[in-house]
Amino acid sequence: MITSSVGYASAGRAFQGVLVSDPSLSGTRPAVLVLHGGAGLGDHERERARRLAALGYVAFVPDLFGEAFENRAHGMSVIQALVAEPTVLRERVTAALGCLREQPGVDPARTAAIGFCFGGLAALELARSGADVAAVVSFHGGLHTTAPAATGRMRAKALICTGSADPYVTREHRLAFEDEMTLAGADWQVVVHGGALHGFTEVASGPARPGCAYHEGADRMSWSAMRDLFEQTLRSPVSAAPTP
């Protein structure tokens, strides 16, 4: 695999990301944004990007924060501000998507986004914005937004993989999200993994993070569901979606 650092800009600010691809593959390929959790761009996202590259995708892991956190309180304030102002978050993810589409070997008509925890919420905000991506996948990500999807606006197929025991994404959150997607006329599905807590794809999740734990079964099954969705949406050219 080839891993390289790539810069992009959003609202006049400079951001960096990690691009991963398989140099043995020729021609243009589908591409996937890999959006990080609240701790920022780390080993978990890099590992998932390498797994996607091994499947034949070009993967890009953008840093959505653009700054190092001094402490937990600083990080929480940045995240809370982005959640409260989804327009800013959507602009950053859209800028990262534009950067990915410009990379060598990427077929700009076949793109998707996945995200973990905060990144799952970010992927959904990209979809809510009406971005022309084939699919988005949220792994144990937040579902609430202050700017619900408008009717007919979402082009992406949305797959939400969440844990039934996640204390941060409750049954009430799931029901509200389902109502939002139904009203928007979106193409969506929610997969609830029984007994899984928050952060179920991250091996590092454990007692130090209340409400979080790795769940091997949920991790394996959610990744398989993502692969199935991508086989449907990215392996053939994406048909043009009508402008809402």
C-alpha atoms as a PDB file:
ATOM      1  CA  MET A   1       0.000   0.000   0.000  1.00  0.00           C
ATOM      2  CA  ILE A   2       1.029   3.601  -0.578  1.00  0.00           C
ATOM      3  CA  THR A   3       0.231   6.091   2.174  1.00  0.00           C
ATOM      4  CA  SER A   4       0.710   9.812   1.652  1.00  0.00           C
ATOM      5  CA  SER A   5      -0.208  13.071   3.339  1.00  0.00           C
ATOM      6  CA  VAL A   6      -2.561  15.313   1.367  1.00  0.00           C
ATOM      7  CA  GLY A   7      -3.684  18.828   2.222  1.00  0.00           C
ATOM      8  CA  TYR A   8      -7.036  20.460   1.584  1.00  0.00           C
ATOM      9  CA  ALA A   9      -8.740  23.698   2.589  1.00  0.00           C
ATOM     10  CA  SER A  10     -12.134  24.634   3.988  1.00  0.00           C
ATOM     11  CA  ALA A  11     -13.378  28.150   4.763  1.00  0.00           C
ATOM     12  CA  GLY A  12      -9.852  29.515   4.461  1.00  0.00           C
ATOM     13  CA  ARG A  13      -8.335  26.999   6.895  1.00  0.00           C
ATOM     14  CA  ALA A  14      -5.741  24.388   6.018  1.00  0.00           C
ATOM     15  CA  PHE A  15      -6.353  20.727   6.845  1.00  0.00           C
ATOM     16  CA  GLN A  16      -4.388  17.532   6.298  1.00  0.00           C
ATOM     17  CA  GLY A  17      -5.408  13.975   5.554  1.00  0.00           C
ATOM     18  CA  VAL A  18      -3.964  10.529   4.826  1.00  0.00           C
ATOM     19  CA  LEU A  19      -4.477   8.945   1.405  1.00  0.00           C
ATOM     20  CA  VAL A  20      -4.116   5.159   1.060  1.00  0.00           C
ATOM     21  CA  SER A  21      -4.182   3.183  -2.190  1.00  0.00           C
ATOM     22  CA  ASP A  22      -2.896   0.000  -3.794  1.00  0.00           C
ATOM     23  CA  PRO A  23      -0.277   0.911  -6.444  1.00  0.00           C
ATOM     24  CA  SER A  24      -0.630  -2.479  -8.146  1.00  0.00           C
ATOM     25  CA  LEU A  25      -4.103  -1.546  -9.429  1.00  0.00           C
ATOM     26  CA  SER A  26      -4.497   0.301 -12.702  1.00  0.00           C
ATOM     27  CA  GLY A  27      -7.228   2.529 -14.039  1.00  0.00           C
ATOM     28  CA  THR A  28      -9.685   4.574 -12.029  1.00  0.00           C
ATOM     29  CA  ARG A  29     -11.248   3.118  -8.901  1.00  0.00           C
ATOM     30  CA  PRO A  30     -14.071   3.947  -6.496  1.00  0.00           C
ATOM     31  CA  ALA A  31     -13.037   5.947  -3.448  1.00  0.00           C
ATOM     32  CA  VAL A  32     -14.111   6.227   0.172  1.00  0.00           C
ATOM     33  CA  LEU A  33     -13.769   8.943   2.797  1.00  0.00           C
ATOM     34  CA  VAL A  34     -12.931   7.504   6.228  1.00  0.00           C
ATOM     35  CA  LEU A  35     -14.066   9.953   8.919  1.00  0.00           C
ATOM     36  CA  HIS A  36     -12.508   9.837  12.369  1.00  0.00           C
ATOM     37  CA  GLY A  37     -14.013   9.791  15.842  1.00  0.00           C
ATOM     38  CA  GLY A  38     -13.806  12.365  18.593  1.00  0.00           C
ATOM     39  CA  ALA A  39     -10.173  11.565  19.373  1.00  0.00           C
ATOM     40  CA  GLY A  40      -9.141  12.708  15.901  1.00  0.00           C
ATOM     41  CA  LEU A  41      -7.347  10.951  13.077  1.00  0.00           C
ATOM     42  CA  GLY A  42      -5.729   7.881  14.599  1.00  0.00           C
ATOM     43  CA  ASP A  43      -4.598   4.310  14.118  1.00  0.00           C
ATOM     44  CA  HIS A  44      -8.141   2.937  13.948  1.00  0.00           C
ATOM     45  CA  GLU A  45      -9.049   5.050  10.917  1.00  0.00           C
ATOM     46  CA  ARG A  46      -5.713   4.373   9.228  1.00  0.00           C
ATOM     47  CA  GLU A  47      -6.223   0.634   9.670  1.00  0.00           C
ATOM     48  CA  ARG A  48      -9.710   0.811   8.146  1.00  0.00           C
ATOM     49  CA  ALA A  49      -8.340   2.839   5.246  1.00  0.00           C
ATOM     50  CA  ARG A  50      -5.752   0.139   4.582  1.00  0.00           C
ATOM     51  CA  ARG A  51      -8.480  -2.511   4.635  1.00  0.00           C
ATOM     52  CA  LEU A  52     -10.488  -0.528   2.089  1.00  0.00           C
ATOM     53  CA  ALA A  53      -7.415  -0.096  -0.110  1.00  0.00           C
ATOM     54  CA  ALA A  54      -6.866  -3.857   0.012  1.00  0.00           C
ATOM     55  CA  LEU A  55     -10.409  -4.246  -1.344  1.00  0.00           C
ATOM     56  CA  GLY A  56      -9.561  -2.042  -4.317  1.00  0.00           C
ATOM     57  CA  TYR A  57     -10.783   1.347  -3.121  1.00  0.00           C
ATOM     58  CA  VAL A  58      -8.813   4.556  -2.750  1.00  0.00           C
ATOM     59  CA  ALA A  59      -9.279   5.696   0.854  1.00  0.00           C
ATOM     60  CA  PHE A  60      -8.817   9.175   2.296  1.00  0.00           C
ATOM     61  CA  VAL A  61      -8.796   9.910   6.026  1.00  0.00           C
ATOM     62  CA  PRO A  62      -9.174  13.678   6.504  1.00  0.00           C
ATOM     63  CA  ASP A  63      -8.519  15.524   9.738  1.00  0.00           C
ATOM     64  CA  LEU A  64     -11.792  17.334  10.423  1.00  0.00           C
ATOM     65  CA  PHE A  65     -10.525  19.327  13.417  1.00  0.00           C
ATOM     66  CA  GLY A  66      -7.445  21.058  12.022  1.00  0.00           C
ATOM     67  CA  GLU A  67      -5.919  21.505  15.463  1.00  0.00           C
ATOM     68  CA  ALA A  68      -4.424  19.529  18.301  1.00  0.00           C
ATOM     69  CA  PHE A  69      -6.517  19.421  21.461  1.00  0.00           C
ATOM     70  CA  GLU A  70      -4.847  20.754  24.609  1.00  0.00           C
ATOM     71  CA  ASN A  71      -7.063  18.608  26.813  1.00  0.00           C
ATOM     72  CA  ARG A  72     -10.381  16.770  26.856  1.00  0.00           C
ATOM     73  CA  ALA A  73     -12.346  19.934  27.609  1.00  0.00           C
ATOM     74  CA  HIS A  74     -10.847  21.634  24.569  1.00  0.00           C
ATOM     75  CA  GLY A  75     -11.740  18.676  22.385  1.00  0.00           C
ATOM     76  CA  MET A  76     -15.293  18.518  23.644  1.00  0.00           C
ATOM     77  CA  SER A  77     -15.814  22.229  22.974  1.00  0.00           C
ATOM     78  CA  VAL A  78     -14.622  21.847  19.366  1.00  0.00           C
ATOM     79  CA  ILE A  79     -16.807  18.796  18.770  1.00  0.00           C
ATOM     80  CA  GLN A  80     -19.865  20.362  20.386  1.00  0.00           C
ATOM     81  CA  ALA A  81     -19.464  23.465  18.229  1.00  0.00           C
ATOM     82  CA  LEU A  82     -19.331  21.359  15.044  1.00  0.00           C
ATOM     83  CA  VAL A  83     -22.366  19.335  16.101  1.00  0.00           C
ATOM     84  CA  ALA A  84     -24.285  22.518  16.901  1.00  0.00           C
ATOM     85  CA  GLU A  85     -23.325  24.130  13.562  1.00  0.00           C
ATOM     86  CA  PRO A  86     -23.673  21.338  10.992  1.00  0.00           C
ATOM     87  CA  THR A  87     -23.086  23.761   8.110  1.00  0.00           C
ATOM     88  CA  VAL A  88     -19.434  24.103   9.136  1.00  0.00           C
ATOM     89  CA  LEU A  89     -19.008  20.349   9.520  1.00  0.00           C
ATOM     90  CA  ARG A  90     -20.677  19.718   6.171  1.00  0.00           C
ATOM     91  CA  GLU A  91     -18.361  22.229   4.493  1.00  0.00           C
ATOM     92  CA  ARG A  92     -15.284  20.471   5.886  1.00  0.00           C
ATOM     93  CA  VAL A  93     -16.402  17.019   4.831  1.00  0.00           C
ATOM     94  CA  THR A  94     -17.429  18.326   1.402  1.00  0.00           C
ATOM     95  CA  ALA A  95     -13.996  19.920   0.990  1.00  0.00           C
ATOM     96  CA  ALA A  96     -12.347  16.612   1.912  1.00  0.00           C
ATOM     97  CA  LEU A  97     -14.555  14.834  -0.604  1.00  0.00           C
ATOM     98  CA  GLY A  98     -13.514  17.300  -3.296  1.00  0.00           C
ATOM     99  CA  CYS A  99      -9.880  16.670  -2.455  1.00  0.00           C
ATOM    100  CA  LEU A 100     -10.373  12.908  -2.703  1.00  0.00           C
ATOM    101  CA  ARG A 101     -12.054  13.211  -6.088  1.00  0.00           C
ATOM    102  CA  GLU A 102      -9.017  15.059  -7.448  1.00  0.00           C
ATOM    103  CA  GLN A 103      -6.543  12.325  -6.519  1.00  0.00           C
ATOM    104  CA  PRO A 104      -4.909  10.125  -9.184  1.00  0.00           C
ATOM    105  CA  GLY A 105      -6.722   6.851  -9.789  1.00  0.00           C
ATOM    106  CA  VAL A 106     -10.038   8.024  -8.319  1.00  0.00           C
ATOM    107  CA  ASP A 107     -13.260   7.742 -10.266  1.00  0.00           C
ATOM    108  CA  PRO A 108     -15.089  10.889  -9.057  1.00  0.00           C
ATOM    109  CA  ALA A 109     -18.459   9.380 -10.018  1.00  0.00           C
ATOM    110  CA  ARG A 110     -18.009   6.501  -7.558  1.00  0.00           C
ATOM    111  CA  THR A 111     -17.488   7.843  -4.062  1.00  0.00           C
ATOM    112  CA  ALA A 112     -18.775   7.072  -0.579  1.00  0.00           C
ATOM    113  CA  ALA A 113     -18.088   7.981   3.041  1.00  0.00           C
ATOM    114  CA  ILE A 114     -17.854   5.993   6.246  1.00  0.00           C
ATOM    115  CA  GLY A 115     -17.347   7.246   9.776  1.00  0.00           C
ATOM    116  CA  PHE A 116     -16.840   6.092  13.331  1.00  0.00           C
ATOM    117  CA  CYS A 117     -18.507   7.792  16.353  1.00  0.00           C
ATOM    118  CA  PHE A 118     -18.184  11.531  15.577  1.00  0.00           C
ATOM    119  CA  GLY A 119     -17.178  10.527  12.057  1.00  0.00           C
ATOM    120  CA  GLY A 120     -20.399   8.558  11.654  1.00  0.00           C
ATOM    121  CA  LEU A 121     -22.336  11.713  12.432  1.00  0.00           C
ATOM    122  CA  ALA A 122     -20.122  13.615   9.970  1.00  0.00           C
ATOM    123  CA  ALA A 123     -20.873  11.085   7.221  1.00  0.00           C
ATOM    124  CA  LEU A 124     -24.596  11.521   7.822  1.00  0.00           C
ATOM    125  CA  GLU A 125     -24.268  15.300   7.709  1.00  0.00           C
ATOM    126  CA  LEU A 126     -22.589  14.930   4.316  1.00  0.00           C
ATOM    127  CA  ALA A 127     -25.563  12.883   3.122  1.00  0.00           C
ATOM    128  CA  ARG A 128     -28.062  15.335   4.593  1.00  0.00           C
ATOM    129  CA  SER A 129     -26.387  18.150   2.672  1.00  0.00           C
ATOM    130  CA  GLY A 130     -27.399  16.481  -0.591  1.00  0.00           C
ATOM    131  CA  ALA A 131     -23.836  15.621  -1.597  1.00  0.00           C
ATOM    132  CA  ASP A 132     -23.549  13.502  -4.725  1.00  0.00           C
ATOM    133  CA  VAL A 133     -22.094  10.389  -3.094  1.00  0.00           C
ATOM    134  CA  ALA A 134     -23.325   6.855  -3.642  1.00  0.00           C
ATOM    135  CA  ALA A 135     -23.474   5.778  -0.014  1.00  0.00           C
ATOM    136  CA  VAL A 136     -22.626   6.708   3.562  1.00  0.00           C
ATOM    137  CA  VAL A 137     -22.081   4.336   6.472  1.00  0.00           C
ATOM    138  CA  SER A 138     -22.165   5.285  10.152  1.00  0.00           C
ATOM    139  CA  PHE A 139     -20.513   2.963  12.670  1.00  0.00           C
ATOM    140  CA  HIS A 140     -21.747   3.752  16.207  1.00  0.00           C
ATOM    141  CA  GLY A 141     -22.189   7.392  15.196  1.00  0.00           C
ATOM    142  CA  GLY A 142     -24.524  10.057  16.499  1.00  0.00           C
ATOM    143  CA  LEU A 143     -27.862  10.353  14.726  1.00  0.00           C
ATOM    144  CA  HIS A 144     -29.234  13.686  15.941  1.00  0.00           C
ATOM    145  CA  THR A 145     -28.864  16.866  13.898  1.00  0.00           C
ATOM    146  CA  THR A 146     -29.981  20.455  14.221  1.00  0.00           C
ATOM    147  CA  ALA A 147     -30.561  20.557  10.447  1.00  0.00           C
ATOM    148  CA  PRO A 148     -32.666  17.553   9.360  1.00  0.00           C
ATOM    149  CA  ALA A 149     -32.562  16.369   5.759  1.00  0.00           C
ATOM    150  CA  ALA A 150     -34.979  18.173   3.475  1.00  0.00           C
ATOM    151  CA  THR A 151     -37.499  16.139   1.519  1.00  0.00           C
ATOM    152  CA  GLY A 152     -35.951  14.711  -1.643  1.00  0.00           C
ATOM    153  CA  ARG A 153     -32.485  16.087  -0.910  1.00  0.00           C
ATOM    154  CA  MET A 154     -30.510  13.013   0.133  1.00  0.00           C
ATOM    155  CA  ARG A 155     -28.874  11.230  -2.790  1.00  0.00           C
ATOM    156  CA  ALA A 156     -26.748   8.781  -0.827  1.00  0.00           C
ATOM    157  CA  LYS A 157     -27.954   5.426   0.424  1.00  0.00           C
ATOM    158  CA  ALA A 158     -27.452   5.474   4.198  1.00  0.00           C
ATOM    159  CA  LEU A 159     -26.452   2.496   6.346  1.00  0.00           C
ATOM    160  CA  ILE A 160     -26.443   2.997  10.106  1.00  0.00           C
ATOM    161  CA  CYS A 161     -24.781   0.336  12.253  1.00  0.00           C
ATOM    162  CA  THR A 162     -25.431   0.929  15.933  1.00  0.00           C
ATOM    163  CA  GLY A 163     -25.429  -0.977  19.211  1.00  0.00           C
ATOM    164  CA  SER A 164     -28.612  -1.730  21.132  1.00  0.00           C
ATOM    165  CA  ALA A 165     -26.798  -0.966  24.403  1.00  0.00           C
ATOM    166  CA  ASP A 166     -25.102   2.244  23.233  1.00  0.00           C
ATOM    167  CA  PRO A 167     -25.817   4.809  25.989  1.00  0.00           C
ATOM    168  CA  TYR A 168     -25.038   7.702  23.636  1.00  0.00           C
ATOM    169  CA  VAL A 169     -27.306   6.612  20.779  1.00  0.00           C
ATOM    170  CA  THR A 170     -30.539   5.540  22.400  1.00  0.00           C
ATOM    171  CA  ARG A 171     -33.681   3.897  21.056  1.00  0.00           C
ATOM    172  CA  GLU A 172     -35.302   7.340  21.056  1.00  0.00           C
ATOM    173  CA  HIS A 173     -32.472   8.653  18.883  1.00  0.00           C
ATOM    174  CA  ARG A 174     -32.959   5.774  16.478  1.00  0.00           C
ATOM    175  CA  LEU A 175     -36.696   6.352  16.209  1.00  0.00           C
ATOM    176  CA  ALA A 176     -36.229  10.082  15.631  1.00  0.00           C
ATOM    177  CA  PHE A 177     -33.680   9.329  12.919  1.00  0.00           C
ATOM    178  CA  GLU A 178     -36.013   6.857  11.235  1.00  0.00           C
ATOM    179  CA  ASP A 179     -38.757   9.481  11.226  1.00  0.00           C
ATOM    180  CA  GLU A 180     -36.354  12.032   9.730  1.00  0.00           C
ATOM    181  CA  MET A 181     -35.247   9.693   6.957  1.00  0.00           C
ATOM    182  CA  THR A 182     -38.802   8.644   6.170  1.00  0.00           C
ATOM    183  CA  LEU A 183     -39.976  12.252   5.885  1.00  0.00           C
ATOM    184  CA  ALA A 184     -36.965  13.035   3.698  1.00  0.00           C
ATOM    185  CA  GLY A 185     -37.751  10.138   1.353  1.00  0.00           C
ATOM    186  CA  ALA A 186     -34.224   8.821   1.788  1.00  0.00           C
ATOM    187  CA  ASP A 187     -32.898   5.340   1.002  1.00  0.00           C
ATOM    188  CA  TRP A 188     -31.791   4.133   4.440  1.00  0.00           C
ATOM    189  CA  GLN A 189     -31.423   1.193   6.777  1.00  0.00           C
ATOM    190  CA  VAL A 190     -30.568   0.862  10.445  1.00  0.00           C
ATOM    191  CA  VAL A 191     -28.834  -2.282  11.684  1.00  0.00           C
ATOM    192  CA  VAL A 192     -29.026  -2.670  15.465  1.00  0.00           C
ATOM    193  CA  HIS A 193     -26.430  -5.029  16.941  1.00  0.00           C
ATOM    194  CA  GLY A 194     -27.794  -6.659  20.072  1.00  0.00           C
ATOM    195  CA  GLY A 195     -25.735  -6.105  23.207  1.00  0.00           C
ATOM    196  CA  ALA A 196     -23.186  -3.843  21.493  1.00  0.00           C
ATOM    197  CA  LEU A 197     -22.056  -0.677  23.250  1.00  0.00           C
ATOM    198  CA  HIS A 198     -20.598   2.506  21.804  1.00  0.00           C
ATOM    199  CA  GLY A 199     -17.309   2.152  19.903  1.00  0.00           C
ATOM    200  CA  PHE A 200     -17.927  -1.499  19.058  1.00  0.00           C
ATOM    201  CA  THR A 201     -15.498  -1.465  16.101  1.00  0.00           C
ATOM    202  CA  GLU A 202     -12.560  -0.191  18.157  1.00  0.00           C
ATOM    203  CA  VAL A 203     -10.413  -2.785  19.876  1.00  0.00           C
ATOM    204  CA  ALA A 204      -9.082  -0.065  22.188  1.00  0.00           C
ATOM    205  CA  SER A 205     -12.553   0.570  23.602  1.00  0.00           C
ATOM    206  CA  GLY A 206     -12.817  -0.590  27.191  1.00  0.00           C
ATOM    207  CA  PRO A 207     -13.248   0.327  30.872  1.00  0.00           C
ATOM    208  CA  ALA A 208     -11.350   3.599  30.455  1.00  0.00           C
ATOM    209  CA  ARG A 209     -14.148   4.805  28.173  1.00  0.00           C
ATOM    210  CA  PRO A 210     -17.510   4.503  29.964  1.00  0.00           C
ATOM    211  CA  GLY A 211     -20.258   3.048  27.793  1.00  0.00           C
ATOM    212  CA  CYS A 212     -17.759   1.789  25.207  1.00  0.00           C
ATOM    213  CA  ALA A 213     -16.521  -1.718  24.425  1.00  0.00           C
ATOM    214  CA  TYR A 214     -15.248  -3.652  21.452  1.00  0.00           C
ATOM    215  CA  HIS A 215     -17.747  -6.214  20.133  1.00  0.00           C
ATOM    216  CA  GLU A 216     -16.221  -8.653  17.671  1.00  0.00           C
ATOM    217  CA  GLY A 217     -19.510  -9.863  16.235  1.00  0.00           C
ATOM    218  CA  ALA A 218     -20.890  -6.385  15.659  1.00  0.00           C
ATOM    219  CA  ASP A 219     -17.588  -5.250  14.174  1.00  0.00           C
ATOM    220  CA  ARG A 220     -17.459  -8.160  11.725  1.00  0.00           C
ATOM    221  CA  MET A 221     -21.130  -7.988  10.731  1.00  0.00           C
ATOM    222  CA  SER A 222     -21.214  -4.209  10.276  1.00  0.00           C
ATOM    223  CA  TRP A 223     -18.113  -4.277   8.071  1.00  0.00           C
ATOM    224  CA  SER A 224     -19.692  -7.035   5.984  1.00  0.00           C
ATOM    225  CA  ALA A 225     -22.867  -4.958   5.599  1.00  0.00           C
ATOM    226  CA  MET A 226     -20.752  -2.025   4.417  1.00  0.00           C
ATOM    227  CA  ARG A 227     -18.996  -4.215   1.853  1.00  0.00           C
ATOM    228  CA  ASP A 228     -22.338  -5.452   0.527  1.00  0.00           C
ATOM    229  CA  LEU A 229     -23.604  -1.876   0.171  1.00  0.00           C
ATOM    230  CA  PHE A 230     -20.467  -0.804  -1.649  1.00  0.00           C
ATOM    231  CA  GLU A 231     -20.686  -3.750  -4.012  1.00  0.00           C
ATOM    232  CA  GLN A 232     -24.162  -2.516  -4.947  1.00  0.00           C
ATOM    233  CA  THR A 233     -23.364   1.178  -5.219  1.00  0.00           C
ATOM    234  CA  LEU A 234     -19.698   1.584  -6.151  1.00  0.00           C
ATOM    235  CA  ARG A 235     -18.737  -1.346  -8.338  1.00  0.00           C
ATOM    236  CA  SER A 236     -20.804  -0.001 -11.250  1.00  0.00           C
ATOM    237  CA  PRO A 237     -21.043   3.633 -12.386  1.00  0.00           C
ATOM    238  CA  VAL A 238     -23.377   5.684 -10.255  1.00  0.00           C
ATOM    239  CA  SER A 239     -26.386   6.777 -12.256  1.00  0.00           C
ATOM    240  CA  ALA A 240     -27.100  10.484 -12.279  1.00  0.00           C
ATOM    241  CA  ALA A 241     -29.427  11.506  -9.479  1.00  0.00           C
ATOM    242  CA  PRO A 242     -32.047  14.176 -10.103  1.00  0.00           C
ATOM    243  CA  THR A 243     -31.316  17.585  -8.669  1.00  0.00           C
ATOM    244  CA  PRO A 244     -33.656  18.229  -5.745  1.00  0.00           C
END
